[in-house]
Amino acid sequence: MTRPHCLSPDACAAAKPTTHCRSCLARRINADPELRRRRAEGIARHQARPGVKAAYRERMAEVSAAMWADPAYVERRRAHGKRQAATVLARPDVIDAGRAPDVRARATATREETLLGWCPPEWRDHYRYLNRTKRIPAAEARKMIEAEIPGTAEHARREIASYDLSQRLRAERERAEI
C-alpha cells in the first residue's frame, strides 16, 4: 500500500491506505497552525487563572525536594555529571568552541547584562570607574549612577533636593539684602 503521508509506509499500522496510524495522525494534527494557536490560547487562559502558577511552583518544589532527598537519585545525577565531564566537556572541540572569541564576547555581554542590567549601557563605564578605580562600594556607586539617570527615583530625589536647596539659598539671600 502507498501511504504518502507516512514516514515509514512499510511499517505503518493503519488499516487503510487513506487513514493515518497514531504517530502520523499526531504529526498531522500538531502541524495544524490553527489547532496549535487554540491550544496555546487555552494554556494561556489556564495559566492566567489565580493560583494556578503558585500551585504549580509548589507542586514542583515538592517533587524536586522528594527527588533530591533520594540518595540513589543524587548518585545517578553525580555519575551522569562525571560522565558528561569525561566524555563531552573534556573533548578538544568542545573546549575550543568555548574559547572562541565570538562565544567569549557573547558570554561577556550576557554576564554584563545580568550584573548591570539596571544600569544604562552609556553609564556602565562610569560605574566601573567608580567601583574599581575610586574604590567606591558597589551599592554606593549604584546610587550615584541612579542619581544621574533621568526617570529613576534617585534622580527625582536629587532633583528635588537640589531645587529645595536653591530655593533656601535664594530665600537667605533675599533676607540678607533686606
Protein backbone atom coordinates (compact mmCIF):
# COMPACT_ATOMS: atom_id res chain seq x y z
CA MET A 1 0.00 0.00 0.00
CA THR A 2 1.19 3.51 -0.68
CA ARG A 3 0.96 5.96 2.18
CA PRO A 4 2.41 9.30 1.08
CA HIS A 5 1.66 10.84 4.47
CA CYS A 6 3.51 8.18 6.46
CA LEU A 7 7.19 8.44 7.39
CA SER A 8 7.56 4.67 7.43
CA PRO A 9 4.97 3.34 4.93
CA ASP A 10 6.11 -0.29 5.19
CA ALA A 11 5.71 -0.40 8.97
CA CYS A 12 2.52 1.69 9.15
CA ALA A 13 -0.16 0.19 11.38
CA ALA A 14 -3.10 1.99 9.72
CA ALA A 15 -5.87 -0.32 8.45
CA LYS A 16 -6.48 1.51 5.17
CA PRO A 17 -4.18 3.47 2.86
CA THR A 18 -6.26 6.62 3.36
CA THR A 19 -6.15 6.53 7.17
CA HIS A 20 -3.33 7.52 9.46
CA CYS A 21 -1.52 5.46 12.05
CA ARG A 22 -1.33 7.05 15.52
CA SER A 23 2.07 8.67 15.05
CA CYS A 24 1.17 10.05 11.60
CA LEU A 25 -2.17 11.36 12.91
CA ALA A 26 -0.47 13.10 15.85
CA ARG A 27 2.10 14.64 13.47
CA ARG A 28 -0.69 15.85 11.15
CA ILE A 29 -2.74 17.34 13.99
CA ASN A 30 0.26 19.06 15.59
CA ALA A 31 1.26 20.57 12.24
CA ASP A 32 -2.09 22.43 12.01
CA PRO A 33 -1.35 26.11 12.90
CA GLU A 34 -4.97 26.82 13.89
CA LEU A 35 -5.01 23.95 16.36
CA ARG A 36 -1.64 24.99 17.78
CA ARG A 37 -2.91 28.57 18.22
CA ARG A 38 -6.08 27.41 20.00
CA ARG A 39 -4.06 25.08 22.21
CA ALA A 40 -1.66 27.91 23.16
CA GLU A 41 -4.60 30.20 23.96
CA GLY A 42 -6.16 27.54 26.17
CA ILE A 43 -2.90 27.06 28.05
CA ALA A 44 -2.53 30.83 28.46
CA ARG A 45 -6.11 31.09 29.80
CA HIS A 46 -5.43 28.28 32.26
CA GLN A 47 -2.15 29.86 33.42
CA ALA A 48 -3.89 33.24 33.86
CA ARG A 49 -6.29 31.83 36.46
CA PRO A 50 -5.43 32.94 40.01
CA GLY A 51 -3.33 30.48 41.96
CA VAL A 52 -2.51 28.14 39.06
CA LYS A 53 1.13 29.18 38.74
CA ALA A 54 1.65 29.27 42.52
CA ALA A 55 0.15 25.77 42.87
CA TYR A 56 2.38 24.50 40.05
CA ARG A 57 5.51 26.02 41.63
CA GLU A 58 4.60 24.49 44.98
CA ARG A 59 3.95 21.07 43.45
CA MET A 60 7.24 21.17 41.51
CA ALA A 61 9.13 22.24 44.64
CA GLU A 62 7.71 19.24 46.49
CA VAL A 63 8.56 16.86 43.64
CA SER A 64 12.08 18.29 43.36
CA ALA A 65 12.66 18.05 47.12
CA ALA A 66 11.48 14.44 47.11
CA MET A 67 13.77 13.58 44.20
CA TRP A 68 16.85 15.21 45.75
CA ALA A 69 16.10 13.54 49.09
CA ASP A 70 16.62 10.16 47.43
CA PRO A 71 20.34 9.21 47.71
CA ALA A 72 20.07 6.94 44.66
CA TYR A 73 18.83 9.85 42.54
CA VAL A 74 21.64 12.09 43.80
CA GLU A 75 24.19 9.41 42.97
CA ARG A 76 22.72 8.92 39.45
CA ARG A 77 22.94 12.69 38.83
CA ARG A 78 26.51 12.77 40.13
CA ALA A 79 27.52 9.83 37.92
CA HIS A 80 25.85 11.46 34.92
CA GLY A 81 27.75 14.71 35.57
CA LYS A 82 31.05 12.86 35.80
CA ARG A 83 30.28 11.01 32.54
CA GLN A 84 29.42 14.30 30.81
CA ALA A 85 32.61 15.92 32.08
CA ALA A 86 34.75 13.00 30.96
CA THR A 87 33.14 12.26 27.59
CA VAL A 88 31.74 15.57 26.34
CA LEU A 89 33.13 18.56 28.19
CA ALA A 90 36.75 17.36 28.01
CA ARG A 91 36.67 16.94 24.22
CA PRO A 92 39.09 19.32 22.47
CA ASP A 93 36.42 20.56 20.03
CA VAL A 94 34.08 21.48 22.92
CA ILE A 95 36.90 23.23 24.80
CA ASP A 96 37.93 25.15 21.67
CA ALA A 97 34.32 26.11 20.95
CA GLY A 98 34.03 27.58 24.44
CA ARG A 99 37.19 29.63 23.94
CA ALA A 100 36.21 31.07 20.54
CA PRO A 101 36.29 34.89 20.52
CA ASP A 102 32.66 35.30 19.43
CA VAL A 103 31.49 32.89 22.15
CA ARG A 104 33.53 34.74 24.79
CA ALA A 105 32.15 38.08 23.57
CA ARG A 106 28.55 36.80 23.85
CA ALA A 107 29.25 35.35 27.30
CA THR A 108 30.78 38.64 28.45
CA ALA A 109 27.81 40.61 27.12
CA THR A 110 25.36 38.25 28.81
CA ARG A 111 27.19 38.43 32.13
CA GLU A 112 27.38 42.22 31.93
CA GLU A 113 23.66 42.42 31.23
CA THR A 114 22.95 40.11 34.16
CA LEU A 115 25.10 42.07 36.59
CA LEU A 116 24.49 45.58 35.28
CA GLY A 117 21.03 45.28 33.75
CA TRP A 118 19.85 48.14 35.96
CA CYS A 119 22.49 50.47 34.50
CA PRO A 120 22.11 52.01 31.02
CA PRO A 121 24.97 50.98 28.72
CA GLU A 122 26.29 54.55 28.43
CA TRP A 123 26.81 54.72 32.23
CA ARG A 124 28.45 51.31 32.72
CA ASP A 125 32.00 52.53 32.16
CA HIS A 126 31.47 55.30 34.70
CA TYR A 127 30.04 52.77 37.19
CA ARG A 128 33.12 50.57 36.73
CA TYR A 129 35.37 53.61 37.16
CA LEU A 130 33.66 54.49 40.46
CA ASN A 131 33.72 50.91 41.68
CA ARG A 132 37.18 49.79 40.56
CA THR A 133 39.32 52.92 40.36
CA LYS A 134 37.76 55.07 43.05
CA ARG A 135 37.05 52.00 45.24
CA ILE A 136 33.52 53.14 46.00
CA PRO A 137 31.39 50.20 47.23
CA ALA A 138 29.00 48.81 44.61
CA ALA A 139 25.84 49.90 46.44
CA GLU A 140 27.07 53.50 46.76
CA ALA A 141 28.30 53.61 43.16
CA ARG A 142 24.90 52.33 42.05
CA LYS A 143 23.14 55.09 43.99
CA MET A 144 25.45 57.66 42.45
CA ILE A 145 24.75 56.40 38.94
CA GLU A 146 21.00 56.11 39.53
CA ALA A 147 21.01 59.72 40.73
CA GLU A 148 22.27 60.71 37.27
CA ILE A 149 19.77 58.66 35.25
CA PRO A 150 16.58 60.61 34.44
CA GLY A 151 13.41 58.76 35.36
CA THR A 152 14.80 56.93 38.38
CA ALA A 153 13.68 57.57 41.95
CA GLU A 154 17.22 58.57 42.97
CA HIS A 155 17.35 61.14 40.17
CA ALA A 156 13.99 62.57 41.23
CA ARG A 157 15.17 62.73 44.87
CA ARG A 158 18.34 64.52 43.81
CA GLU A 159 16.44 66.97 41.61
CA ILE A 160 14.01 67.78 44.42
CA ALA A 161 16.83 68.21 46.93
CA SER A 162 18.71 70.44 44.50
CA TYR A 163 15.61 72.56 43.87
CA ASP A 164 14.90 72.75 47.60
CA LEU A 165 18.48 73.86 48.32
CA SER A 166 18.39 76.51 45.60
CA GLN A 167 15.12 77.88 47.00
CA ARG A 168 16.53 78.02 50.54
CA LEU A 169 19.68 79.79 49.34
CA ARG A 170 17.60 82.26 47.37
CA ALA A 171 15.40 82.99 50.39
CA GLU A 172 18.50 83.52 52.60
CA ARG A 173 19.99 85.92 50.03
CA GLU A 174 16.74 87.86 49.89
CA ARG A 175 16.61 88.06 53.70
CA ALA A 176 20.23 89.23 53.81
CA GLU A 177 19.50 92.02 51.32
CA ILE A 178 16.71 93.43 53.44
